[in-house]
């Protein structure tokens, strides 16, 4: 059996540079990285965090990722 590394929301907020409240909102909206809820505590598997990060890679500012619930900004 392999060891799976887990991050709590404080560790993940530091890694991503967002507040823990943002992570809470993402969980509520279903738009952030996948998470586990174990004994009332939220944990993020490192492999899920890395997959989330890879899905957000952009090559230009025109590629900016938007969560599906955010409206498009029209000029």
C-alpha atoms as a PDB file:
ATOM      1  CA  UNK A   1       0.000   0.000   0.000  1.00  0.00           C
ATOM      2  CA  UNK A   2       1.356   3.435  -0.897  1.00  0.00           C
ATOM      3  CA  UNK A   3       1.297   6.383   1.454  1.00  0.00           C
ATOM      4  CA  UNK A   4      -1.049   9.137   0.337  1.00  0.00           C
ATOM      5  CA  UNK A   5      -0.128  12.620   1.448  1.00  0.00           C
ATOM      6  CA  UNK A   6      -2.960  14.826   2.655  1.00  0.00           C
ATOM      7  CA  UNK A   7      -3.188  18.585   3.140  1.00  0.00           C
ATOM      8  CA  UNK A   8      -5.574  20.411   5.442  1.00  0.00           C
ATOM      9  CA  UNK A   9      -7.241  23.621   4.304  1.00  0.00           C
ATOM     10  CA  UNK A  10      -4.616  25.837   5.955  1.00  0.00           C
ATOM     11  CA  UNK A  11      -1.785  24.002   4.157  1.00  0.00           C
ATOM     12  CA  UNK A  12      -3.675  24.185   0.868  1.00  0.00           C
ATOM     13  CA  UNK A  13      -4.559  27.857   1.269  1.00  0.00           C
ATOM     14  CA  UNK A  14      -0.847  28.619   1.694  1.00  0.00           C
ATOM     15  CA  UNK A  15       0.075  26.467  -1.304  1.00  0.00           C
ATOM     16  CA  UNK A  16      -2.481  28.117  -3.602  1.00  0.00           C
ATOM     17  CA  UNK A  17      -2.203  31.625  -2.162  1.00  0.00           C
ATOM     18  CA  UNK A  18      -5.912  31.891  -1.354  1.00  0.00           C
ATOM     19  CA  UNK A  19      -7.684  32.241   1.973  1.00  0.00           C
ATOM     20  CA  UNK A  20      -9.178  29.283   3.812  1.00  0.00           C
ATOM     21  CA  UNK A  21     -12.547  31.006   3.360  1.00  0.00           C
ATOM     22  CA  UNK A  22     -12.058  30.806  -0.415  1.00  0.00           C
ATOM     23  CA  UNK A  23     -11.489  27.059  -0.090  1.00  0.00           C
ATOM     24  CA  UNK A  24     -14.665  26.786   1.994  1.00  0.00           C
ATOM     25  CA  UNK A  25     -16.614  28.676  -0.693  1.00  0.00           C
ATOM     26  CA  UNK A  26     -15.134  26.496  -3.441  1.00  0.00           C
ATOM     27  CA  UNK A  27     -16.234  23.365  -1.553  1.00  0.00           C
ATOM     28  CA  UNK A  28     -19.738  24.775  -1.166  1.00  0.00           C
ATOM     29  CA  UNK A  29     -19.839  25.684  -4.880  1.00  0.00           C
ATOM     30  CA  UNK A  30     -18.217  22.405  -5.942  1.00  0.00           C
ATOM     31  CA  UNK A  31     -15.521  24.153  -7.984  1.00  0.00           C
ATOM     32  CA  UNK A  32     -12.234  23.588  -6.130  1.00  0.00           C
ATOM     33  CA  UNK A  33     -10.060  20.512  -5.816  1.00  0.00           C
ATOM     34  CA  UNK A  34     -11.665  17.250  -4.730  1.00  0.00           C
ATOM     35  CA  UNK A  35     -11.601  16.708  -0.979  1.00  0.00           C
ATOM     36  CA  UNK A  36     -12.233  14.085   1.675  1.00  0.00           C
ATOM     37  CA  UNK A  37     -14.332  14.605   4.754  1.00  0.00           C
ATOM     38  CA  UNK A  38     -13.105  12.354   7.548  1.00  0.00           C
ATOM     39  CA  UNK A  39     -14.547  12.641  11.031  1.00  0.00           C
ATOM     40  CA  UNK A  40     -15.817  16.144  10.321  1.00  0.00           C
ATOM     41  CA  UNK A  41     -12.412  17.292   9.076  1.00  0.00           C
ATOM     42  CA  UNK A  42     -11.625  18.252   5.494  1.00  0.00           C
ATOM     43  CA  UNK A  43      -8.512  16.795   3.867  1.00  0.00           C
ATOM     44  CA  UNK A  44      -7.155  17.192   0.353  1.00  0.00           C
ATOM     45  CA  UNK A  45      -5.159  14.397  -1.292  1.00  0.00           C
ATOM     46  CA  UNK A  46      -1.965  15.734  -2.832  1.00  0.00           C
ATOM     47  CA  UNK A  47      -2.727  13.963  -6.128  1.00  0.00           C
ATOM     48  CA  UNK A  48      -6.107  15.742  -6.339  1.00  0.00           C
ATOM     49  CA  UNK A  49      -4.483  19.106  -5.599  1.00  0.00           C
ATOM     50  CA  UNK A  50      -1.871  18.525  -8.299  1.00  0.00           C
ATOM     51  CA  UNK A  51      -4.590  17.533 -10.802  1.00  0.00           C
ATOM     52  CA  UNK A  52      -6.514  20.702  -9.935  1.00  0.00           C
ATOM     53  CA  UNK A  53      -3.377  22.794 -10.459  1.00  0.00           C
ATOM     54  CA  UNK A  54      -2.638  21.130 -13.810  1.00  0.00           C
ATOM     55  CA  UNK A  55      -6.188  21.800 -14.992  1.00  0.00           C
ATOM     56  CA  UNK A  56      -5.602  25.533 -14.430  1.00  0.00           C
ATOM     57  CA  UNK A  57      -2.442  25.916 -16.537  1.00  0.00           C
ATOM     58  CA  UNK A  58      -2.749  28.810 -18.992  1.00  0.00           C
ATOM     59  CA  UNK A  59      -0.512  29.858 -21.870  1.00  0.00           C
ATOM     60  CA  UNK A  60      -1.756  33.440 -22.117  1.00  0.00           C
ATOM     61  CA  UNK A  61      -4.076  35.812 -20.297  1.00  0.00           C
ATOM     62  CA  UNK A  62      -6.711  34.977 -22.920  1.00  0.00           C
ATOM     63  CA  UNK A  63      -6.706  31.431 -21.495  1.00  0.00           C
ATOM     64  CA  UNK A  64      -7.742  32.632 -18.037  1.00  0.00           C
ATOM     65  CA  UNK A  65      -9.759  29.938 -16.302  1.00  0.00           C
ATOM     66  CA  UNK A  66     -13.204  30.877 -15.069  1.00  0.00           C
ATOM     67  CA  UNK A  67     -15.333  28.736 -12.808  1.00  0.00           C
ATOM     68  CA  UNK A  68     -18.487  27.706 -14.598  1.00  0.00           C
ATOM     69  CA  UNK A  69     -20.686  29.701 -12.200  1.00  0.00           C
ATOM     70  CA  UNK A  70     -18.956  33.009 -12.968  1.00  0.00           C
ATOM     71  CA  UNK A  71     -20.486  35.104 -15.743  1.00  0.00           C
ATOM     72  CA  UNK A  72     -18.468  36.089 -18.774  1.00  0.00           C
ATOM     73  CA  UNK A  73     -17.459  39.745 -18.790  1.00  0.00           C
ATOM     74  CA  UNK A  74     -18.440  41.443 -22.020  1.00  0.00           C
ATOM     75  CA  UNK A  75     -16.949  44.696 -23.263  1.00  0.00           C
END
